[in-house]
Amino acid sequence: MSSIDSLLKDINNKKFLPIYFLAGEEPFFIDKVTKSLEEHVLSEQEKGFNQTIVYGQDTDMGNLIGLAKQYPMGAERALVIVKEAQHLSRSIDQLTAYAENPQPTTVLVINYKGKTLDKRTKLYKAINASRYYFEFKKLYDNEVPAWIEKRVAEAQLMIDSKAKFLLAEFVGADLSRLDNEIDKLTTIVGKGNTITPELIERNIGFSKDYNNFELRSAIVKKDLSKAMRIIKYFEKNPKDNPLVLTITSIFNLFQNIIILHSLTDKSKANAAKELGVHPFFVEEFFLAARNYPLKSATRIVSHIREYDLKSKGVNSTGNVLSSELLLELVIKIMHT
């Protein structure tokens, strides 16, 4: 069980801590824990006198500590939530004394988004020793499909393998947006049913046939006609298909091809582990390695860097369409 699952399970079972210091780069998990605490610490009747929500930019540490020290009225606990607490970063160390001896009848929740505590500070040492400190990192791109699968299962749905990777490709590691899109699909599909690429295309506005996922596949198979159709679609929908993301996607493909060529143990399990990709993709990488030998893949990376610079106006007239640059690059790749 992941740390977030264990934490949410404890909250659901009303095993509360006096302090939840929620920090890090992934706001989705911070919001999820905070919402769970809002739902479970107090009943709706108790919230009027015992729940306080303040914002870091509108308060100071003295006021915050004062709120935390207050006793509940007609309830077992008081709940104090500090949102946007990163705005208090210059004075957050003033919380140290309170953290060493917190009010047992208060649940103090601190949302410290986009920041982490310096591990050398007394505050960090105090709250970490008591296990009040939770740091949430952003997911790596290769972790997103598994997160989607888990989130879909929680919604009592199933998801087609291609649909899962299309959703990951289209939305990326923006967990809040992914969560919203899955909520939308849950309403449309209904529990117990399967999310398909067609449903994603109709309801999220993402083409199941014309996207970076399919363009990479065309490059792997050296299918120029399919690649040209996708690039033509990109030309008609430039806002949904920015060149910088497409070039990054192609670069990642060839970076992984080079890594695969360098592996001594080329078993599927080891390849998936070393490439940091889902096993679903491994067969495609083996095909890519067969179609693009190491020397070719290395030269192609140089081509990709050249066209990345051109897309940014370096060594380019600036009068060339993004789709034209992309087509030139893909043709070079397939003929290298």
C-alpha atoms as a PDB file:
ATOM      1  CA  MET A   1       0.000   0.000   0.000  1.00  0.00           C
ATOM      2  CA  SER A   2       1.384   3.430  -0.926  1.00  0.00           C
ATOM      3  CA  SER A   3       1.922   6.091   1.749  1.00  0.00           C
ATOM      4  CA  ILE A   4      -1.022   8.129   0.416  1.00  0.00           C
ATOM      5  CA  ASP A   5      -3.322   5.078   0.606  1.00  0.00           C
ATOM      6  CA  SER A   6      -2.184   4.264   4.129  1.00  0.00           C
ATOM      7  CA  LEU A   7      -2.675   7.869   5.206  1.00  0.00           C
ATOM      8  CA  LEU A   8      -6.178   8.066   3.739  1.00  0.00           C
ATOM      9  CA  LYS A   9      -7.102   4.731   5.296  1.00  0.00           C
ATOM     10  CA  ASP A  10      -6.103   5.989   8.760  1.00  0.00           C
ATOM     11  CA  ILE A  11      -8.127   9.183   8.264  1.00  0.00           C
ATOM     12  CA  ASN A  12     -11.129   7.174   7.110  1.00  0.00           C
ATOM     13  CA  ASN A  13     -10.780   5.053  10.273  1.00  0.00           C
ATOM     14  CA  LYS A  14     -10.594   8.250  12.364  1.00  0.00           C
ATOM     15  CA  LYS A  15      -6.990   7.698  13.408  1.00  0.00           C
ATOM     16  CA  PHE A  16      -5.999  11.346  13.390  1.00  0.00           C
ATOM     17  CA  LEU A  17      -2.641  13.029  13.963  1.00  0.00           C
ATOM     18  CA  PRO A  18      -2.351  16.408  15.715  1.00  0.00           C
ATOM     19  CA  ILE A  19      -0.417  17.834  12.733  1.00  0.00           C
ATOM     20  CA  TYR A  20      -0.463  17.089   9.012  1.00  0.00           C
ATOM     21  CA  PHE A  21       2.315  19.022   7.309  1.00  0.00           C
ATOM     22  CA  LEU A  22       1.561  18.348   3.619  1.00  0.00           C
ATOM     23  CA  ALA A  23       4.389  19.510   1.365  1.00  0.00           C
ATOM     24  CA  GLY A  24       5.797  18.955  -2.105  1.00  0.00           C
ATOM     25  CA  GLU A  25       5.302  19.446  -5.815  1.00  0.00           C
ATOM     26  CA  GLU A  26       2.105  17.412  -6.290  1.00  0.00           C
ATOM     27  CA  PRO A  27      -0.886  19.516  -5.184  1.00  0.00           C
ATOM     28  CA  PHE A  28      -3.396  16.788  -6.059  1.00  0.00           C
ATOM     29  CA  PHE A  29      -2.325  14.595  -3.124  1.00  0.00           C
ATOM     30  CA  ILE A  30      -2.201  17.567  -0.740  1.00  0.00           C
ATOM     31  CA  ASP A  31      -5.757  18.513  -1.726  1.00  0.00           C
ATOM     32  CA  LYS A  32      -6.933  14.894  -1.481  1.00  0.00           C
ATOM     33  CA  VAL A  33      -5.638  14.461   2.082  1.00  0.00           C
ATOM     34  CA  THR A  34      -7.015  17.851   3.136  1.00  0.00           C
ATOM     35  CA  LYS A  35     -10.445  17.050   1.681  1.00  0.00           C
ATOM     36  CA  SER A  36     -10.490  13.707   3.469  1.00  0.00           C
ATOM     37  CA  LEU A  37      -9.704  15.410   6.781  1.00  0.00           C
ATOM     38  CA  GLU A  38     -12.487  17.961   6.177  1.00  0.00           C
ATOM     39  CA  GLU A  39     -14.898  15.082   5.631  1.00  0.00           C
ATOM     40  CA  HIS A  40     -13.873  12.903   8.591  1.00  0.00           C
ATOM     41  CA  VAL A  41     -12.570  14.991  11.515  1.00  0.00           C
ATOM     42  CA  LEU A  42     -15.826  16.812  12.273  1.00  0.00           C
ATOM     43  CA  SER A  43     -19.502  16.234  11.626  1.00  0.00           C
ATOM     44  CA  GLU A  44     -21.400  18.915   9.714  1.00  0.00           C
ATOM     45  CA  GLN A  45     -22.974  20.089  12.990  1.00  0.00           C
ATOM     46  CA  GLU A  46     -19.562  20.446  14.670  1.00  0.00           C
ATOM     47  CA  LYS A  47     -17.918  22.425  11.860  1.00  0.00           C
ATOM     48  CA  GLY A  48     -19.610  25.749  12.648  1.00  0.00           C
ATOM     49  CA  PHE A  49     -17.642  26.323  15.866  1.00  0.00           C
ATOM     50  CA  ASN A  50     -14.686  23.995  15.394  1.00  0.00           C
ATOM     51  CA  GLN A  51     -13.449  24.220  11.809  1.00  0.00           C
ATOM     52  CA  THR A  52     -11.253  27.142  10.781  1.00  0.00           C
ATOM     53  CA  ILE A  53      -9.733  27.643   7.333  1.00  0.00           C
ATOM     54  CA  VAL A  54      -7.104  30.362   6.829  1.00  0.00           C
ATOM     55  CA  TYR A  55      -4.787  31.269   3.962  1.00  0.00           C
ATOM     56  CA  GLY A  56      -1.056  31.782   4.285  1.00  0.00           C
ATOM     57  CA  GLN A  57      -1.091  35.147   2.533  1.00  0.00           C
ATOM     58  CA  ASP A  58      -3.773  36.441   4.924  1.00  0.00           C
ATOM     59  CA  THR A  59      -2.401  35.300   8.289  1.00  0.00           C
ATOM     60  CA  ASP A  60       0.806  35.071  10.325  1.00  0.00           C
ATOM     61  CA  MET A  61       2.402  32.389  12.467  1.00  0.00           C
ATOM     62  CA  GLY A  62       1.290  33.979  15.738  1.00  0.00           C
ATOM     63  CA  ASN A  63      -2.366  33.877  14.686  1.00  0.00           C
ATOM     64  CA  LEU A  64      -2.026  30.352  13.310  1.00  0.00           C
ATOM     65  CA  ILE A  65      -0.487  28.972  16.516  1.00  0.00           C
ATOM     66  CA  GLY A  66      -3.137  30.774  18.551  1.00  0.00           C
ATOM     67  CA  LEU A  67      -5.878  29.088  16.526  1.00  0.00           C
ATOM     68  CA  ALA A  68      -4.222  25.696  16.960  1.00  0.00           C
ATOM     69  CA  LYS A  69      -4.090  26.111  20.754  1.00  0.00           C
ATOM     70  CA  GLN A  70      -7.802  26.824  21.139  1.00  0.00           C
ATOM     71  CA  TYR A  71     -10.020  24.152  22.662  1.00  0.00           C
ATOM     72  CA  PRO A  72     -12.977  22.712  20.736  1.00  0.00           C
ATOM     73  CA  MET A  73     -16.557  23.686  21.583  1.00  0.00           C
ATOM     74  CA  GLY A  74     -19.033  20.834  21.886  1.00  0.00           C
ATOM     75  CA  ALA A  75     -16.805  18.472  19.914  1.00  0.00           C
ATOM     76  CA  GLU A  76     -13.918  16.113  20.542  1.00  0.00           C
ATOM     77  CA  ARG A  77     -11.584  18.013  18.237  1.00  0.00           C
ATOM     78  CA  ALA A  78     -10.995  21.283  16.446  1.00  0.00           C
ATOM     79  CA  LEU A  79      -9.816  21.359  12.835  1.00  0.00           C
ATOM     80  CA  VAL A  80      -7.515  24.147  11.615  1.00  0.00           C
ATOM     81  CA  ILE A  81      -6.579  24.143   7.923  1.00  0.00           C
ATOM     82  CA  VAL A  82      -3.912  26.482   6.582  1.00  0.00           C
ATOM     83  CA  LYS A  83      -4.116  26.683   2.777  1.00  0.00           C
ATOM     84  CA  GLU A  84      -1.321  28.201   0.663  1.00  0.00           C
ATOM     85  CA  ALA A  85       0.968  27.950   3.702  1.00  0.00           C
ATOM     86  CA  GLN A  86       4.028  28.256   1.438  1.00  0.00           C
ATOM     87  CA  HIS A  87       3.479  32.011   1.716  1.00  0.00           C
ATOM     88  CA  LEU A  88       4.602  31.657   5.344  1.00  0.00           C
ATOM     89  CA  SER A  89       7.922  30.012   4.406  1.00  0.00           C
ATOM     90  CA  ARG A  90      10.039  32.812   5.931  1.00  0.00           C
ATOM     91  CA  SER A  91       8.461  32.395   9.341  1.00  0.00           C
ATOM     92  CA  ILE A  92       7.350  28.758   9.280  1.00  0.00           C
ATOM     93  CA  ASP A  93      10.122  27.767  11.712  1.00  0.00           C
ATOM     94  CA  GLN A  94       8.133  29.528  14.435  1.00  0.00           C
ATOM     95  CA  LEU A  95       5.925  26.437  14.411  1.00  0.00           C
ATOM     96  CA  THR A  96       8.750  24.352  15.957  1.00  0.00           C
ATOM     97  CA  ALA A  97       7.815  24.786  19.618  1.00  0.00           C
ATOM     98  CA  TYR A  98       4.167  23.963  18.887  1.00  0.00           C
ATOM     99  CA  ALA A  99       5.182  20.924  16.809  1.00  0.00           C
ATOM    100  CA  GLU A 100       7.185  19.586  19.760  1.00  0.00           C
ATOM    101  CA  ASN A 101       4.123  19.844  22.032  1.00  0.00           C
ATOM    102  CA  PRO A 102       0.960  20.073  19.888  1.00  0.00           C
ATOM    103  CA  GLN A 103      -2.536  20.586  21.249  1.00  0.00           C
ATOM    104  CA  PRO A 104      -3.961  17.026  21.406  1.00  0.00           C
ATOM    105  CA  THR A 105      -7.525  18.179  20.686  1.00  0.00           C
ATOM    106  CA  THR A 106      -6.555  20.052  17.499  1.00  0.00           C
ATOM    107  CA  VAL A 107      -5.929  18.639  14.032  1.00  0.00           C
ATOM    108  CA  LEU A 108      -3.695  21.208  12.330  1.00  0.00           C
ATOM    109  CA  VAL A 109      -3.425  20.780   8.558  1.00  0.00           C
ATOM    110  CA  ILE A 110      -0.754  22.745   6.697  1.00  0.00           C
ATOM    111  CA  ASN A 111      -0.828  22.886   2.873  1.00  0.00           C
ATOM    112  CA  TYR A 112       2.738  23.737   1.854  1.00  0.00           C
ATOM    113  CA  LYS A 113       2.349  23.470  -1.912  1.00  0.00           C
ATOM    114  CA  GLY A 114       5.272  23.598  -4.303  1.00  0.00           C
ATOM    115  CA  LYS A 115       7.804  23.678  -1.482  1.00  0.00           C
ATOM    116  CA  THR A 116       9.496  21.311   0.942  1.00  0.00           C
ATOM    117  CA  LEU A 117      11.064  21.940   4.312  1.00  0.00           C
ATOM    118  CA  ASP A 118      14.823  22.193   4.645  1.00  0.00           C
ATOM    119  CA  LYS A 119      15.779  18.842   6.209  1.00  0.00           C
ATOM    120  CA  ARG A 120      18.356  20.583   8.419  1.00  0.00           C
ATOM    121  CA  THR A 121      15.834  22.742  10.279  1.00  0.00           C
ATOM    122  CA  LYS A 122      14.539  22.093  13.783  1.00  0.00           C
ATOM    123  CA  LEU A 123      10.975  22.225  12.500  1.00  0.00           C
ATOM    124  CA  TYR A 124      11.560  19.460   9.971  1.00  0.00           C
ATOM    125  CA  LYS A 125      13.340  17.308  12.540  1.00  0.00           C
ATOM    126  CA  ALA A 126      10.515  17.809  15.046  1.00  0.00           C
ATOM    127  CA  ILE A 127       7.603  16.985  12.734  1.00  0.00           C
ATOM    128  CA  ASN A 128       9.407  14.260  10.829  1.00  0.00           C
ATOM    129  CA  ALA A 129      10.397  12.474  14.039  1.00  0.00           C
ATOM    130  CA  SER A 130       6.731  12.417  15.045  1.00  0.00           C
ATOM    131  CA  ARG A 131       5.673  11.377  11.532  1.00  0.00           C
ATOM    132  CA  TYR A 132       3.651  14.525  10.938  1.00  0.00           C
ATOM    133  CA  TYR A 133       5.518  15.415   7.729  1.00  0.00           C
ATOM    134  CA  PHE A 134       4.266  14.184   4.337  1.00  0.00           C
ATOM    135  CA  GLU A 135       6.048  15.076   1.115  1.00  0.00           C
ATOM    136  CA  PHE A 136       4.330  14.388  -2.195  1.00  0.00           C
ATOM    137  CA  LYS A 137       6.389  14.261  -5.390  1.00  0.00           C
ATOM    138  CA  LYS A 138       5.047  14.561  -8.911  1.00  0.00           C
ATOM    139  CA  LEU A 139       4.634  11.276 -10.732  1.00  0.00           C
ATOM    140  CA  TYR A 140       7.069  10.405 -13.492  1.00  0.00           C
ATOM    141  CA  ASP A 141       5.428  10.104 -16.918  1.00  0.00           C
ATOM    142  CA  ASN A 142       5.902   6.325 -16.911  1.00  0.00           C
ATOM    143  CA  GLU A 143       4.001   6.112 -13.598  1.00  0.00           C
ATOM    144  CA  VAL A 144       0.906   7.882 -14.936  1.00  0.00           C
ATOM    145  CA  PRO A 145      -0.720   4.898 -16.747  1.00  0.00           C
ATOM    146  CA  ALA A 146      -0.644   2.800 -13.554  1.00  0.00           C
ATOM    147  CA  TRP A 147      -2.153   5.721 -11.603  1.00  0.00           C
ATOM    148  CA  ILE A 148      -4.938   6.009 -14.211  1.00  0.00           C
ATOM    149  CA  GLU A 149      -5.648   2.283 -13.967  1.00  0.00           C
ATOM    150  CA  LYS A 150      -5.881   2.489 -10.177  1.00  0.00           C
ATOM    151  CA  ARG A 151      -8.083   5.600 -10.255  1.00  0.00           C
ATOM    152  CA  VAL A 152     -10.391   3.994 -12.824  1.00  0.00           C
ATOM    153  CA  ALA A 153     -10.679   0.862 -10.650  1.00  0.00           C
ATOM    154  CA  GLU A 154     -11.620   3.069  -7.678  1.00  0.00           C
ATOM    155  CA  ALA A 155     -14.427   4.473  -9.854  1.00  0.00           C
ATOM    156  CA  GLN A 156     -15.586   0.873 -10.460  1.00  0.00           C
ATOM    157  CA  LEU A 157     -14.736   1.062 -14.152  1.00  0.00           C
ATOM    158  CA  MET A 158     -12.366  -0.722 -16.499  1.00  0.00           C
ATOM    159  CA  ILE A 159     -10.163   0.895 -19.132  1.00  0.00           C
ATOM    160  CA  ASP A 160      -8.882  -0.399 -22.446  1.00  0.00           C
ATOM    161  CA  SER A 161      -5.037  -0.548 -22.575  1.00  0.00           C
ATOM    162  CA  LYS A 162      -4.797   1.846 -25.506  1.00  0.00           C
ATOM    163  CA  ALA A 163      -7.292   4.210 -23.884  1.00  0.00           C
ATOM    164  CA  LYS A 164      -5.166   4.295 -20.738  1.00  0.00           C
ATOM    165  CA  PHE A 165      -2.044   5.310 -22.626  1.00  0.00           C
ATOM    166  CA  LEU A 166      -3.915   7.799 -24.805  1.00  0.00           C
ATOM    167  CA  LEU A 167      -5.248   9.487 -21.668  1.00  0.00           C
ATOM    168  CA  ALA A 168      -1.741   9.566 -20.169  1.00  0.00           C
ATOM    169  CA  GLU A 169      -0.344  10.964 -23.423  1.00  0.00           C
ATOM    170  CA  PHE A 170      -3.005  13.651 -23.780  1.00  0.00           C
ATOM    171  CA  VAL A 171      -3.216  14.883 -20.192  1.00  0.00           C
ATOM    172  CA  GLY A 172       0.259  13.962 -18.917  1.00  0.00           C
ATOM    173  CA  ALA A 173       1.053  13.983 -15.194  1.00  0.00           C
ATOM    174  CA  ASP A 174      -1.566  16.622 -14.316  1.00  0.00           C
ATOM    175  CA  LEU A 175      -3.354  14.457 -11.737  1.00  0.00           C
ATOM    176  CA  SER A 176      -6.058  17.011 -10.954  1.00  0.00           C
ATOM    177  CA  ARG A 177      -7.068  17.185 -14.606  1.00  0.00           C
ATOM    178  CA  LEU A 178      -6.846  13.411 -14.994  1.00  0.00           C
ATOM    179  CA  ASP A 179      -9.074  13.006 -11.945  1.00  0.00           C
ATOM    180  CA  ASN A 180     -11.641  15.395 -13.431  1.00  0.00           C
ATOM    181  CA  GLU A 181     -11.576  13.636 -16.812  1.00  0.00           C
ATOM    182  CA  ILE A 182     -12.074  10.229 -15.168  1.00  0.00           C
ATOM    183  CA  ASP A 183     -14.971  11.662 -13.136  1.00  0.00           C
ATOM    184  CA  LYS A 184     -16.513  12.908 -16.389  1.00  0.00           C
ATOM    185  CA  LEU A 185     -16.067   9.526 -18.063  1.00  0.00           C
ATOM    186  CA  THR A 186     -17.525   7.746 -15.023  1.00  0.00           C
ATOM    187  CA  THR A 187     -20.717   9.780 -15.360  1.00  0.00           C
ATOM    188  CA  ILE A 188     -20.922   9.064 -19.092  1.00  0.00           C
ATOM    189  CA  VAL A 189     -19.954   5.380 -19.108  1.00  0.00           C
ATOM    190  CA  GLY A 190     -21.522   4.158 -15.876  1.00  0.00           C
ATOM    191  CA  LYS A 191     -19.980   1.866 -13.290  1.00  0.00           C
ATOM    192  CA  GLY A 192     -18.913  -1.593 -14.412  1.00  0.00           C
ATOM    193  CA  ASN A 193     -18.272  -0.537 -18.017  1.00  0.00           C
ATOM    194  CA  THR A 194     -15.078   0.014 -19.997  1.00  0.00           C
ATOM    195  CA  ILE A 195     -13.463   3.282 -21.087  1.00  0.00           C
ATOM    196  CA  THR A 196     -12.410   2.934 -24.734  1.00  0.00           C
ATOM    197  CA  PRO A 197     -10.335   5.127 -27.075  1.00  0.00           C
ATOM    198  CA  GLU A 198     -13.571   6.075 -28.873  1.00  0.00           C
ATOM    199  CA  LEU A 199     -15.108   7.342 -25.615  1.00  0.00           C
ATOM    200  CA  ILE A 200     -12.003   9.427 -24.912  1.00  0.00           C
ATOM    201  CA  GLU A 201     -12.105  10.881 -28.414  1.00  0.00           C
ATOM    202  CA  ARG A 202     -15.795  11.806 -28.164  1.00  0.00           C
ATOM    203  CA  ASN A 203     -15.767  13.195 -24.651  1.00  0.00           C
ATOM    204  CA  ILE A 204     -12.308  14.623 -24.028  1.00  0.00           C
ATOM    205  CA  GLY A 205     -11.598  16.025 -27.481  1.00  0.00           C
ATOM    206  CA  PHE A 206      -8.497  13.951 -28.104  1.00  0.00           C
ATOM    207  CA  SER A 207      -8.147  12.140 -31.414  1.00  0.00           C
ATOM    208  CA  LYS A 208      -7.523   8.425 -30.925  1.00  0.00           C
ATOM    209  CA  ASP A 209      -5.804   8.204 -34.337  1.00  0.00           C
ATOM    210  CA  TYR A 210      -3.915  11.495 -34.615  1.00  0.00           C
ATOM    211  CA  ASN A 211      -1.659  12.099 -31.618  1.00  0.00           C
ATOM    212  CA  ASN A 212       1.955  11.820 -30.478  1.00  0.00           C
ATOM    213  CA  PHE A 213       1.356   8.243 -29.319  1.00  0.00           C
ATOM    214  CA  GLU A 214       0.345   7.198 -32.867  1.00  0.00           C
ATOM    215  CA  LEU A 215       3.058   9.319 -34.505  1.00  0.00           C
ATOM    216  CA  ARG A 216       5.723   7.536 -32.438  1.00  0.00           C
ATOM    217  CA  SER A 217       4.202   4.223 -33.493  1.00  0.00           C
ATOM    218  CA  ALA A 218       4.377   5.261 -37.163  1.00  0.00           C
ATOM    219  CA  ILE A 219       8.036   6.261 -36.750  1.00  0.00           C
ATOM    220  CA  VAL A 220       8.845   2.951 -35.066  1.00  0.00           C
ATOM    221  CA  LYS A 221       7.270   1.040 -37.981  1.00  0.00           C
ATOM    222  CA  LYS A 222       8.740   3.443 -40.579  1.00  0.00           C
ATOM    223  CA  ASP A 223       5.204   4.044 -41.845  1.00  0.00           C
ATOM    224  CA  LEU A 224       5.703   7.398 -43.597  1.00  0.00           C
ATOM    225  CA  SER A 225       2.203   7.625 -45.064  1.00  0.00           C
ATOM    226  CA  LYS A 226       0.618   7.253 -41.610  1.00  0.00           C
ATOM    227  CA  ALA A 227       3.079   9.777 -40.156  1.00  0.00           C
ATOM    228  CA  MET A 228       2.193  12.258 -42.921  1.00  0.00           C
ATOM    229  CA  ARG A 229      -1.553  11.918 -42.175  1.00  0.00           C
ATOM    230  CA  ILE A 230      -0.916  12.594 -38.480  1.00  0.00           C
ATOM    231  CA  ILE A 231       1.292  15.607 -39.232  1.00  0.00           C
ATOM    232  CA  LYS A 232      -1.403  16.977 -41.568  1.00  0.00           C
ATOM    233  CA  TYR A 233      -3.902  16.679 -38.736  1.00  0.00           C
ATOM    234  CA  PHE A 234      -1.449  18.470 -36.411  1.00  0.00           C
ATOM    235  CA  GLU A 235      -1.195  21.286 -38.961  1.00  0.00           C
ATOM    236  CA  LYS A 236      -4.972  21.790 -38.802  1.00  0.00           C
ATOM    237  CA  ASN A 237      -5.021  21.631 -34.983  1.00  0.00           C
ATOM    238  CA  PRO A 238      -1.801  23.381 -33.895  1.00  0.00           C
ATOM    239  CA  LYS A 239      -3.031  24.482 -30.454  1.00  0.00           C
ATOM    240  CA  ASP A 240      -3.792  20.899 -29.436  1.00  0.00           C
ATOM    241  CA  ASN A 241      -0.520  19.584 -30.835  1.00  0.00           C
ATOM    242  CA  PRO A 242       2.373  21.935 -29.974  1.00  0.00           C
ATOM    243  CA  LEU A 243       5.602  21.071 -31.781  1.00  0.00           C
ATOM    244  CA  VAL A 244       7.697  21.260 -28.616  1.00  0.00           C
ATOM    245  CA  LEU A 245       5.755  18.373 -27.039  1.00  0.00           C
ATOM    246  CA  THR A 246       5.918  16.293 -30.217  1.00  0.00           C
ATOM    247  CA  ILE A 247       9.685  16.759 -30.524  1.00  0.00           C
ATOM    248  CA  THR A 248      10.127  15.870 -26.840  1.00  0.00           C
ATOM    249  CA  SER A 249       8.061  12.716 -27.398  1.00  0.00           C
ATOM    250  CA  ILE A 250      10.204  11.680 -30.384  1.00  0.00           C
ATOM    251  CA  PHE A 251      13.415  12.467 -28.480  1.00  0.00           C
ATOM    252  CA  ASN A 252      12.303  10.262 -25.570  1.00  0.00           C
ATOM    253  CA  LEU A 253      11.612   7.435 -28.026  1.00  0.00           C
ATOM    254  CA  PHE A 254      15.139   7.505 -29.477  1.00  0.00           C
ATOM    255  CA  GLN A 255      16.770   8.042 -26.108  1.00  0.00           C
ATOM    256  CA  ASN A 256      15.112   4.799 -25.001  1.00  0.00           C
ATOM    257  CA  ILE A 257      16.134   3.025 -28.218  1.00  0.00           C
ATOM    258  CA  ILE A 258      19.774   3.894 -27.463  1.00  0.00           C
ATOM    259  CA  ILE A 259      19.417   2.655 -23.877  1.00  0.00           C
ATOM    260  CA  LEU A 260      17.876  -0.608 -25.130  1.00  0.00           C
ATOM    261  CA  HIS A 261      20.770  -1.163 -27.520  1.00  0.00           C
ATOM    262  CA  SER A 262      23.217  -0.727 -24.627  1.00  0.00           C
ATOM    263  CA  LEU A 263      21.572  -3.307 -22.341  1.00  0.00           C
ATOM    264  CA  THR A 264      23.350  -6.591 -21.722  1.00  0.00           C
ATOM    265  CA  ASP A 265      20.186  -8.208 -20.381  1.00  0.00           C
ATOM    266  CA  LYS A 266      17.576  -7.586 -23.066  1.00  0.00           C
ATOM    267  CA  SER A 267      14.785  -9.611 -21.467  1.00  0.00           C
ATOM    268  CA  LYS A 268      11.386  -7.911 -21.577  1.00  0.00           C
ATOM    269  CA  ALA A 269      11.231  -7.559 -17.800  1.00  0.00           C
ATOM    270  CA  ASN A 270      14.684  -5.986 -17.548  1.00  0.00           C
ATOM    271  CA  ALA A 271      14.079  -3.746 -20.570  1.00  0.00           C
ATOM    272  CA  ALA A 272      10.881  -2.382 -19.006  1.00  0.00           C
ATOM    273  CA  LYS A 273      12.719  -1.768 -15.734  1.00  0.00           C
ATOM    274  CA  GLU A 274      15.769  -0.080 -17.304  1.00  0.00           C
ATOM    275  CA  LEU A 275      13.740   2.038 -19.706  1.00  0.00           C
ATOM    276  CA  GLY A 276      11.346   3.056 -16.951  1.00  0.00           C
ATOM    277  CA  VAL A 277       8.356   2.260 -19.159  1.00  0.00           C
ATOM    278  CA  HIS A 278       5.240   0.176 -18.736  1.00  0.00           C
ATOM    279  CA  PRO A 279       5.629  -3.419 -20.052  1.00  0.00           C
ATOM    280  CA  PHE A 280       2.879  -2.559 -22.559  1.00  0.00           C
ATOM    281  CA  PHE A 281       5.456  -0.545 -24.538  1.00  0.00           C
ATOM    282  CA  VAL A 282       8.376  -2.992 -24.483  1.00  0.00           C
ATOM    283  CA  GLU A 283       7.510  -4.915 -27.662  1.00  0.00           C
ATOM    284  CA  GLU A 284       7.322  -1.646 -29.577  1.00  0.00           C
ATOM    285  CA  PHE A 285      10.783  -0.668 -28.326  1.00  0.00           C
ATOM    286  CA  PHE A 286      12.235  -3.983 -29.514  1.00  0.00           C
ATOM    287  CA  LEU A 287      10.743  -3.336 -32.964  1.00  0.00           C
ATOM    288  CA  ALA A 288      12.168   0.202 -32.854  1.00  0.00           C
ATOM    289  CA  ALA A 289      15.622  -1.146 -31.983  1.00  0.00           C
ATOM    290  CA  ARG A 290      15.460  -3.541 -34.941  1.00  0.00           C
ATOM    291  CA  ASN A 291      14.441  -0.753 -37.328  1.00  0.00           C
ATOM    292  CA  TYR A 292      16.925   1.779 -35.931  1.00  0.00           C
ATOM    293  CA  PRO A 293      20.415   0.370 -35.182  1.00  0.00           C
ATOM    294  CA  LEU A 294      22.520   2.126 -32.551  1.00  0.00           C
ATOM    295  CA  LYS A 295      24.490   4.265 -35.035  1.00  0.00           C
ATOM    296  CA  SER A 296      21.287   5.400 -36.746  1.00  0.00           C
ATOM    297  CA  ALA A 297      19.566   6.171 -33.436  1.00  0.00           C
ATOM    298  CA  THR A 298      22.557   8.258 -32.314  1.00  0.00           C
ATOM    299  CA  ARG A 299      22.538  10.300 -35.537  1.00  0.00           C
ATOM    300  CA  ILE A 300      18.765  10.724 -35.238  1.00  0.00           C
ATOM    301  CA  VAL A 301      19.137  12.255 -31.769  1.00  0.00           C
ATOM    302  CA  SER A 302      21.393  14.885 -33.393  1.00  0.00           C
ATOM    303  CA  HIS A 303      18.694  15.545 -36.019  1.00  0.00           C
ATOM    304  CA  ILE A 304      16.063  15.930 -33.290  1.00  0.00           C
ATOM    305  CA  ARG A 305      18.226  18.470 -31.434  1.00  0.00           C
ATOM    306  CA  GLU A 306      18.769  20.378 -34.689  1.00  0.00           C
ATOM    307  CA  TYR A 307      15.032  20.601 -35.351  1.00  0.00           C
ATOM    308  CA  ASP A 308      14.279  21.449 -31.749  1.00  0.00           C
ATOM    309  CA  LEU A 309      16.519  24.517 -32.177  1.00  0.00           C
ATOM    310  CA  LYS A 310      14.897  25.345 -35.531  1.00  0.00           C
ATOM    311  CA  SER A 311      11.458  25.201 -33.899  1.00  0.00           C
ATOM    312  CA  LYS A 312      12.722  27.858 -31.489  1.00  0.00           C
ATOM    313  CA  GLY A 313      13.981  30.111 -34.291  1.00  0.00           C
ATOM    314  CA  VAL A 314      17.655  29.099 -34.216  1.00  0.00           C
ATOM    315  CA  ASN A 315      19.165  28.624 -37.713  1.00  0.00           C
ATOM    316  CA  SER A 316      15.712  29.074 -39.209  1.00  0.00           C
ATOM    317  CA  THR A 317      14.027  31.812 -41.246  1.00  0.00           C
ATOM    318  CA  GLY A 318      10.994  31.664 -38.968  1.00  0.00           C
ATOM    319  CA  ASN A 319       8.713  31.478 -42.014  1.00  0.00           C
ATOM    320  CA  VAL A 320       8.390  27.689 -41.920  1.00  0.00           C
ATOM    321  CA  LEU A 321       5.278  26.088 -40.458  1.00  0.00           C
ATOM    322  CA  SER A 322       5.718  23.808 -37.467  1.00  0.00           C
ATOM    323  CA  SER A 323       4.150  20.988 -39.476  1.00  0.00           C
ATOM    324  CA  GLU A 324       6.732  21.483 -42.246  1.00  0.00           C
ATOM    325  CA  LEU A 325       9.591  21.255 -39.750  1.00  0.00           C
ATOM    326  CA  LEU A 326       8.053  18.153 -38.236  1.00  0.00           C
ATOM    327  CA  LEU A 327       7.618  16.481 -41.620  1.00  0.00           C
ATOM    328  CA  GLU A 328      11.246  17.258 -42.558  1.00  0.00           C
ATOM    329  CA  LEU A 329      12.397  15.754 -39.258  1.00  0.00           C
ATOM    330  CA  VAL A 330      10.316  12.593 -39.632  1.00  0.00           C
ATOM    331  CA  ILE A 331      11.536  12.032 -43.192  1.00  0.00           C
ATOM    332  CA  LYS A 332      15.143  12.447 -42.022  1.00  0.00           C
ATOM    333  CA  ILE A 333      14.541  10.006 -39.176  1.00  0.00           C
ATOM    334  CA  MET A 334      13.080   7.328 -41.442  1.00  0.00           C
ATOM    335  CA  HIS A 335      15.925   7.672 -43.944  1.00  0.00           C
ATOM    336  CA  THR A 336      18.812   7.715 -41.475  1.00  0.00           C
END
